[in-house]
Structure formats: structure tokens, C-alpha cells
């Protein structure tokens, strides 16, 4: 798997990075661990952001667990600042574990060009070449 790192921006400000190391290739979906920069509590950050910006989210304060719906101003860029565009981008996770970012509905052929390792892994599980 490539060692690509993607920058995660919210409202134009970098909040972290991800490798987008997981996928559902046929559906054009990638997701990965979100490594925060300067954010102590992902739960508090996203709960406040969602409330302030009227974004639907399911939150469990007792566990510091949150799962957001689409966050329109959440954007992901590769190292040459090419945006990874899908139909929706969301966050889920909990403070005591990890947070993941998910990008749904990335179109082909861009998906295959940007994530050939995910496409190959999908084909390999069925013995396709």
C-alpha cells in the first residue's frame, strides 16, 4: 500500500491528515484514521462544529462518541493539492479510540487513478487480475 498522506481541511484550515487506507472500491468509497493536529478532543470539536453549523450528527456524550452526516466544508487533498471529491464527506469516532474520515461516491476513473491499490485489492479477493 502506498505511503500517501492526505491533508484534511475544515473551513479551509488544516485539522489533520489521513492515509485513506481502507476502501469499498466498487462503491467509490475511501476512509481512514484521522490524525488530528492541535485538536485535543475530536468529540468536543465536532460536536461544537456540528451544532454551530447545523450539521446532523449522532452523539453519545457519555462515551465521547460522534458520527456526523455530510460536512460540506470538510475537504481532503493529496500532496499536490488535488482534491479528493466525492458526493459526501463525514467523520465518526470517539475520544478513547480513534476518529475516521469517510469520502463516499468518488467517481471513476478518478478513483482508480488515485487509489489503484484499493481497486487491485478488491480484484485480488476474487482472483481477478
Protein backbone atom coordinates (compact mmCIF):
# COMPACT_ATOMS: atom_id res chain seq x y z
CA UNK A 1 0.00 0.00 0.00
CA UNK A 2 1.38 3.44 -0.87
CA UNK A 3 2.55 5.77 1.87
CA UNK A 4 0.37 8.63 0.66
CA UNK A 5 -0.76 11.17 3.18
CA UNK A 6 -3.78 13.37 2.61
CA UNK A 7 -4.42 16.71 4.27
CA UNK A 8 -7.83 17.19 5.88
CA UNK A 9 -9.18 20.73 5.92
CA UNK A 10 -12.30 22.11 7.54
CA UNK A 11 -13.41 25.60 6.51
CA UNK A 12 -10.02 25.99 4.82
CA UNK A 13 -8.00 25.20 7.97
CA UNK A 14 -5.91 22.03 8.23
CA UNK A 15 -7.21 19.86 11.08
CA UNK A 16 -5.19 16.72 10.38
CA UNK A 17 -4.04 14.04 7.99
CA UNK A 18 -5.18 10.61 6.85
CA UNK A 19 -3.82 7.79 4.71
CA UNK A 20 -7.30 6.80 3.44
CA UNK A 21 -6.10 3.26 3.99
CA UNK A 22 -9.46 1.49 3.80
CA UNK A 23 -11.94 1.23 0.94
CA UNK A 24 -15.04 -0.12 -0.70
CA UNK A 25 -13.75 0.17 -4.26
CA UNK A 26 -16.94 -0.81 -6.15
CA UNK A 27 -18.85 1.92 -4.31
CA UNK A 28 -16.15 4.57 -4.79
CA UNK A 29 -15.60 4.87 -1.03
CA UNK A 30 -12.39 5.50 0.90
CA UNK A 31 -11.91 6.01 4.59
CA UNK A 32 -9.10 6.12 7.10
CA UNK A 33 -7.89 7.14 10.51
CA UNK A 34 -7.92 10.90 11.02
CA UNK A 35 -4.76 12.08 12.78
CA UNK A 36 -5.63 15.41 14.36
CA UNK A 37 -3.33 18.41 14.54
CA UNK A 38 -3.92 20.72 17.51
CA UNK A 39 -7.26 19.15 18.44
CA UNK A 40 -7.37 17.60 21.90
CA UNK A 41 -10.90 16.19 21.80
CA UNK A 42 -12.29 15.19 18.43
CA UNK A 43 -15.65 14.65 20.09
CA UNK A 44 -15.86 18.18 21.54
CA UNK A 45 -14.53 19.72 18.33
CA UNK A 46 -17.04 18.03 16.03
CA UNK A 47 -19.97 18.28 18.43
CA UNK A 48 -19.45 22.05 18.67
CA UNK A 49 -18.83 22.37 14.93
CA UNK A 50 -21.98 20.43 14.03
CA UNK A 51 -24.15 22.41 16.44
CA UNK A 52 -22.77 25.74 15.26
CA UNK A 53 -23.14 24.84 11.58
CA UNK A 54 -26.44 22.93 11.86
CA UNK A 55 -24.97 19.64 10.64
CA UNK A 56 -26.80 16.48 11.67
CA UNK A 57 -24.78 14.21 13.92
CA UNK A 58 -25.45 11.38 16.33
CA UNK A 59 -23.62 11.97 19.60
CA UNK A 60 -23.19 9.93 22.76
CA UNK A 61 -21.67 12.36 25.29
CA UNK A 62 -21.20 9.70 27.96
CA UNK A 63 -18.80 7.84 25.64
CA UNK A 64 -17.47 10.89 23.75
CA UNK A 65 -18.66 9.19 20.53
CA UNK A 66 -19.94 11.06 17.48
CA UNK A 67 -20.93 10.22 13.93
CA UNK A 68 -21.64 13.09 11.57
CA UNK A 69 -23.65 13.30 8.40
CA UNK A 70 -22.10 15.09 5.44
CA UNK A 71 -19.92 18.05 6.40
CA UNK A 72 -19.92 20.30 3.30
CA UNK A 73 -16.75 22.24 4.21
CA UNK A 74 -14.70 19.13 5.05
CA UNK A 75 -12.20 18.67 2.24
CA UNK A 76 -9.34 16.28 1.55
CA UNK A 77 -6.29 16.99 -0.63
CA UNK A 78 -3.34 14.91 -1.77
CA UNK A 79 0.28 16.11 -1.57
CA UNK A 80 0.00 18.16 -4.77
CA UNK A 81 -3.23 19.77 -3.53
CA UNK A 82 -5.54 17.77 -5.80
CA UNK A 83 -8.88 17.47 -4.02
CA UNK A 84 -10.40 14.05 -3.45
CA UNK A 85 -14.01 14.80 -4.38
CA UNK A 86 -16.93 12.54 -3.61
CA UNK A 87 -20.62 13.11 -3.03
CA UNK A 88 -20.21 13.32 0.76
CA UNK A 89 -17.52 13.52 3.42
CA UNK A 90 -18.13 12.69 7.08
CA UNK A 91 -16.43 11.94 10.41
CA UNK A 92 -17.04 9.34 13.08
CA UNK A 93 -15.19 8.23 16.18
CA UNK A 94 -14.65 8.50 19.88
CA UNK A 95 -12.05 10.19 22.03
CA UNK A 96 -10.93 6.98 23.77
CA UNK A 97 -10.33 5.19 20.46
CA UNK A 98 -9.90 6.86 17.07
CA UNK A 99 -11.64 9.01 14.51
CA UNK A 100 -12.16 8.14 10.86
CA UNK A 101 -12.94 10.25 7.85
CA UNK A 102 -15.08 8.78 5.06
CA UNK A 103 -15.47 10.00 1.50
CA UNK A 104 -18.42 8.49 -0.35
CA UNK A 105 -19.11 8.32 -4.07
CA UNK A 106 -15.78 9.16 -5.67
CA UNK A 107 -16.26 8.81 -9.41
CA UNK A 108 -14.37 6.54 -11.75
CA UNK A 109 -11.90 6.79 -13.49
CA UNK A 110 -10.50 9.21 -10.87
CA UNK A 111 -10.99 6.62 -8.11
CA UNK A 112 -8.96 4.03 -9.99
CA UNK A 113 -6.23 6.56 -10.80
CA UNK A 114 -5.89 7.84 -7.22
CA UNK A 115 -6.45 4.54 -5.39
CA UNK A 116 -5.19 1.75 -7.69
CA UNK A 117 -4.11 -0.29 -4.66
CA UNK A 118 -7.71 -0.38 -3.36
CA UNK A 119 -9.03 -1.43 -6.76
CA UNK A 120 -6.34 -4.12 -7.04
CA UNK A 121 -7.07 -5.41 -3.54
CA UNK A 122 -10.75 -5.69 -4.43
CA UNK A 123 -9.96 -7.67 -7.60
CA UNK A 124 -7.46 -9.87 -5.74
CA UNK A 125 -10.09 -11.03 -3.25
CA UNK A 126 -11.96 -12.65 -6.14
CA UNK A 127 -8.91 -13.89 -8.01
CA UNK A 128 -9.44 -11.32 -10.77
CA UNK A 129 -6.44 -9.72 -12.37
